[in-house]
Amino acid sequence: MNVCVYPLSEREETNAVKFISAKAFTGTSAWQALPIANMNGITTRLHRTDQPYKWHINYGEEVFVVLDGAVDMHYQENSVEKIVRMDVEDIFYASVGTEHVAHPSNEARVLVIESEGSV
């Protein structure tokens, strides 16, 4: 087997593989998404933001991963608002019906995995 090692900046993309530099994704507006994959109705998207999102409830489960920056995740539990500071490599899981909103402390990049069409 031949082995070729390339830096990410010289990557080649095909229909079978993608390489994405999260830090290089800038977007043109807060919460703009870069679609990465749709696996049988479950989407994986990269977001860049410097603004809070909006309170929402997903109709499916959600996994939210901080890749760059810090995010204060606000969520409701038994009618009480709670806030957890998330740093790089921290993961938030929201079950169906969990009301939540993300507030980045400055600029942040996050990976969101959720059902297609979620808010």
Protein backbone atom coordinates (compact mmCIF):
# COMPACT_ATOMS: atom_id res chain seq x y z
CA MET A 1 0.00 0.00 0.00
CA ASN A 2 1.29 3.47 -0.90
CA VAL A 3 0.91 6.18 1.75
CA CYS A 4 0.69 9.90 0.99
CA VAL A 5 0.65 12.45 3.79
CA TYR A 6 -0.66 15.93 2.99
CA PRO A 7 -1.10 18.99 5.19
CA LEU A 8 -4.77 19.92 5.60
CA SER A 9 -4.20 23.05 3.49
CA GLU A 10 -3.29 20.85 0.51
CA ARG A 11 -6.11 18.36 0.91
CA GLU A 12 -8.00 16.91 -1.96
CA GLU A 13 -11.76 16.49 -1.72
CA THR A 14 -13.77 13.87 -3.51
CA ASN A 15 -17.33 12.63 -3.22
CA ALA A 16 -16.06 10.10 -0.68
CA VAL A 17 -14.08 12.32 1.72
CA LYS A 18 -14.03 15.86 3.13
CA PHE A 19 -11.43 17.62 5.24
CA ILE A 20 -12.54 20.81 6.98
CA SER A 21 -10.55 23.30 8.99
CA ALA A 22 -13.02 24.61 11.59
CA LYS A 23 -10.85 27.66 12.33
CA ALA A 24 -10.75 28.60 8.65
CA PHE A 25 -14.57 28.74 8.39
CA THR A 26 -15.63 32.36 8.79
CA GLY A 27 -19.12 32.59 7.33
CA THR A 28 -20.78 35.90 6.51
CA SER A 29 -23.26 36.06 9.40
CA ALA A 30 -23.76 34.70 12.90
CA TRP A 31 -24.87 31.06 12.99
CA GLN A 32 -24.27 30.55 9.28
CA ALA A 33 -23.85 26.82 8.75
CA LEU A 34 -21.39 24.85 6.67
CA PRO A 35 -23.12 21.55 5.89
CA ILE A 36 -20.77 18.62 6.43
CA ALA A 37 -22.97 15.54 6.14
CA ASN A 38 -26.54 14.30 6.06
CA MET A 39 -26.70 10.71 7.26
CA ASN A 40 -30.22 9.38 6.81
CA GLY A 41 -31.81 12.60 8.06
CA ILE A 42 -29.24 13.40 10.75
CA THR A 43 -27.25 16.50 9.80
CA THR A 44 -23.78 17.53 10.88
CA ARG A 45 -23.03 21.23 10.44
CA LEU A 46 -20.27 23.62 11.42
CA HIS A 47 -21.37 27.03 12.71
CA ARG A 48 -19.40 30.20 13.33
CA THR A 49 -20.96 32.82 15.55
CA ASP A 50 -20.34 35.77 17.80
CA GLN A 51 -24.01 36.27 18.69
CA PRO A 52 -26.49 34.36 20.86
CA TYR A 53 -28.89 32.02 19.08
CA LYS A 54 -32.56 31.97 20.14
CA TRP A 55 -34.41 29.91 22.73
CA HIS A 56 -35.65 26.81 20.96
CA ILE A 57 -36.76 23.23 21.35
CA ASN A 58 -35.62 20.68 18.80
CA TYR A 59 -38.09 17.99 17.73
CA GLY A 60 -35.18 15.54 17.80
CA GLU A 61 -32.05 15.06 19.87
CA GLU A 62 -29.06 17.39 19.49
CA VAL A 63 -25.33 17.11 20.09
CA PHE A 64 -23.45 20.43 20.32
CA VAL A 65 -19.62 20.46 20.41
CA VAL A 66 -17.46 23.54 21.01
CA LEU A 67 -14.53 23.46 18.59
CA ASP A 68 -13.18 26.98 19.12
CA GLY A 69 -13.99 29.68 21.67
CA ALA A 70 -16.35 29.39 24.62
CA VAL A 71 -20.14 29.17 24.84
CA ASP A 72 -22.53 29.67 27.74
CA MET A 73 -25.27 27.10 27.20
CA HIS A 74 -28.56 28.17 28.79
CA TYR A 75 -31.20 25.50 29.26
CA GLN A 76 -34.47 25.00 31.11
CA GLU A 77 -34.93 22.20 33.59
CA ASN A 78 -38.12 22.02 35.69
CA SER A 79 -38.90 25.65 34.76
CA VAL A 80 -35.49 26.80 36.07
CA GLU A 81 -32.94 28.39 33.76
CA LYS A 82 -29.46 26.94 34.17
CA ILE A 83 -26.21 28.05 32.52
CA VAL A 84 -23.08 26.00 31.90
CA ARG A 85 -19.85 27.47 30.46
CA MET A 86 -18.58 25.26 27.65
CA ASP A 87 -14.98 25.43 26.48
CA VAL A 88 -13.15 23.79 23.56
CA GLU A 89 -13.87 20.06 23.38
CA ASP A 90 -16.94 20.29 25.65
CA ILE A 91 -20.10 18.55 24.48
CA PHE A 92 -23.77 19.30 25.22
CA TYR A 93 -26.51 16.75 24.58
CA ALA A 94 -30.15 17.88 24.46
CA SER A 95 -32.88 15.26 24.56
CA VAL A 96 -36.16 15.78 22.74
CA GLY A 97 -38.04 18.70 24.30
CA THR A 98 -35.05 20.39 25.99
CA GLU A 99 -35.40 24.16 25.68
CA HIS A 100 -31.99 25.79 25.24
CA VAL A 101 -29.99 28.64 23.75
CA ALA A 102 -26.25 29.10 23.13
CA HIS A 103 -24.46 32.36 23.99
CA PRO A 104 -20.87 32.55 22.71
CA SER A 105 -18.55 34.62 24.91
CA ASN A 106 -16.80 35.99 21.80
CA GLU A 107 -16.38 34.28 18.45
CA ALA A 108 -16.96 30.54 18.57
CA ARG A 109 -17.14 27.62 16.19
CA VAL A 110 -19.41 24.74 17.04
CA LEU A 111 -20.34 21.42 15.51
CA VAL A 112 -24.05 20.60 15.69
CA ILE A 113 -25.48 17.15 14.99
CA GLU A 114 -29.27 17.00 14.85
CA SER A 115 -32.30 15.88 12.88
CA GLU A 116 -32.62 17.50 9.48
CA GLY A 117 -34.86 20.57 9.61
CA SER A 118 -34.29 21.32 13.29
CA VAL A 119 -34.37 24.94 14.38
